[in-house]
Protein backbone atom coordinates (compact mmCIF):
# COMPACT_ATOMS: atom_id res chain seq x y z
CA UNK A 1 0.09 -0.02 -0.27
CA UNK A 2 1.85 3.49 -0.63
CA UNK A 3 1.68 6.51 1.39
CA UNK A 4 -1.29 7.81 -0.87
CA UNK A 5 -3.44 5.16 -0.56
CA UNK A 6 -2.92 5.07 3.25
CA UNK A 7 -3.39 8.94 3.95
CA UNK A 8 -6.76 8.56 1.68
CA UNK A 9 -8.18 6.27 3.80
CA UNK A 10 -6.82 7.59 7.09
CA UNK A 11 -8.98 10.58 5.85
CA UNK A 12 -12.13 9.04 4.90
CA UNK A 13 -11.96 7.28 8.80
CA UNK A 14 -11.54 10.13 10.40
CA UNK A 15 -14.65 11.61 8.57
CA UNK A 16 -16.69 8.40 9.28
CA UNK A 17 -15.82 8.67 13.04
CA UNK A 18 -16.35 12.54 12.88
CA UNK A 19 -19.82 11.54 11.40
CA UNK A 20 -20.81 9.06 13.63
CA UNK A 21 -19.85 10.84 16.43
CA UNK A 22 -22.22 14.08 15.23
CA UNK A 23 -25.27 11.41 15.17
CA UNK A 24 -24.32 10.11 18.55
CA UNK A 25 -24.30 13.75 20.19
CA UNK A 26 -27.35 14.54 18.36
CA UNK A 27 -29.50 11.06 19.35
CA UNK A 28 -28.13 11.97 23.41
CA UNK A 29 -29.20 15.94 22.65
CA UNK A 30 -32.65 14.12 21.49
CA UNK A 31 -33.62 11.72 24.39
CA UNK A 32 -32.91 14.58 26.73
CA UNK A 33 -35.55 16.84 24.99
CA UNK A 34 -37.99 14.08 24.95
CA UNK A 35 -36.94 12.84 28.72
CA UNK A 36 -37.63 17.02 29.94
CA UNK A 37 -40.91 16.81 27.47
CA UNK A 38 -39.53 19.79 25.33
CA UNK A 39 -40.21 17.60 22.64
CA UNK A 40 -42.42 14.47 22.06
CA UNK A 41 -41.52 11.37 20.28
CA UNK A 42 -44.44 12.11 17.93
CA UNK A 43 -42.96 15.17 16.77
CA UNK A 44 -39.31 12.82 16.03
CA UNK A 45 -41.38 10.90 14.25
CA UNK A 46 -43.37 13.08 11.46
CA UNK A 47 -40.49 15.61 11.09
CA UNK A 48 -38.19 12.49 9.74
CA UNK A 49 -35.06 13.59 10.37
CA UNK A 50 -32.12 11.86 8.20
CA UNK A 51 -29.98 11.94 10.91
CA UNK A 52 -31.86 9.76 13.00
CA UNK A 53 -32.25 6.96 10.05
CA UNK A 54 -30.80 4.42 11.41
CA UNK A 55 -32.31 5.09 15.11
CA UNK A 56 -34.47 2.25 16.55
CA UNK A 57 -38.19 3.07 17.37
CA UNK A 58 -37.42 1.02 20.93
CA UNK A 59 -34.66 3.95 21.87
CA UNK A 60 -37.13 6.39 20.78
CA UNK A 61 -39.55 4.94 23.05
CA UNK A 62 -37.53 4.23 25.89
CA UNK A 63 -36.53 7.75 25.75
CA UNK A 64 -39.81 9.36 26.92
CA UNK A 65 -40.00 9.96 31.30
CA UNK A 66 -41.63 6.38 32.96
CA UNK A 67 -41.05 4.23 29.82
CA UNK A 68 -38.99 1.25 30.62
CA UNK A 69 -38.17 -1.52 28.47
CA UNK A 70 -41.68 -3.37 28.90
CA UNK A 71 -43.73 -0.48 28.07
CA UNK A 72 -42.26 -0.20 25.01
CA UNK A 73 -41.80 -3.95 24.24
CA UNK A 74 -45.87 -4.12 24.78
CA UNK A 75 -46.77 -1.03 22.63
CA UNK A 76 -44.39 -2.40 20.11
CA UNK A 77 -46.12 -5.80 20.34
CA UNK A 78 -49.32 -3.99 20.15
CA UNK A 79 -48.82 -2.80 16.97
CA UNK A 80 -47.07 -5.76 15.62
CA UNK A 81 -43.39 -4.23 15.33
CA UNK A 82 -40.07 -5.63 16.04
CA UNK A 83 -37.98 -3.69 18.71
CA UNK A 84 -35.07 -3.61 15.99
CA UNK A 85 -37.29 -1.32 13.74
CA UNK A 86 -35.66 1.84 12.66
CA UNK A 87 -37.00 4.94 12.17
CA UNK A 88 -35.73 5.11 8.80
CA UNK A 89 -37.39 2.19 7.83
CA UNK A 90 -41.10 2.61 8.79
CA UNK A 91 -43.86 3.03 6.37
CA UNK A 92 -45.96 6.02 6.38
CA UNK A 93 -48.87 3.80 8.03
CA UNK A 94 -46.41 2.39 10.67
CA UNK A 95 -45.84 5.90 11.44
CA UNK A 96 -49.69 7.39 11.84
CA UNK A 97 -50.00 4.21 13.99
CA UNK A 98 -47.72 4.78 16.63
CA UNK A 99 -48.04 8.83 16.52
CA UNK A 100 -51.95 8.13 17.08
CA UNK A 101 -51.23 5.37 19.54
CA UNK A 102 -48.54 8.55 21.55
CA UNK A 103 -51.06 11.05 20.65
CA UNK A 104 -54.02 9.34 22.52
CA UNK A 105 -52.40 6.91 25.26
CA UNK A 106 -55.76 6.99 27.28
CA UNK A 107 -57.81 5.83 24.22
CA UNK A 108 -55.59 2.80 23.59
CA UNK A 109 -55.52 0.02 25.51
CA UNK A 110 -53.02 -2.90 25.59
CA UNK A 111 -54.32 -6.43 25.52
CA UNK A 112 -52.23 -9.11 25.34
CA UNK A 113 -50.31 -8.64 22.10
CA UNK A 114 -52.64 -6.91 20.19
CA UNK A 115 -54.03 -3.44 20.07
CA UNK A 116 -57.75 -2.75 21.37
CA UNK A 117 -59.56 0.43 20.70
């Protein structure tokens, strides 16, 4: 490998690491805003930020105050979505369903693993 090739590879690696760090910082900031109530998960789902396409829906739900893994899993099971489903891979229908569940939690009861209205 020549010096030019290794320098280019090193530069690409540095750029990729900086980008990954920016994404981590953005996610941490978002989670803090959601936990404080300044932003809702529904707003995030509707705004579709490209930086969060690889974030899992489970992580987004868990970032809410008083939402543990069991509650997040129940909601995901009720709408028949996997914990590993990413925000970028949600269909419009799935996105609308989750937003509806988050908007009216009192109107929705969880019965087993199905959503009952």
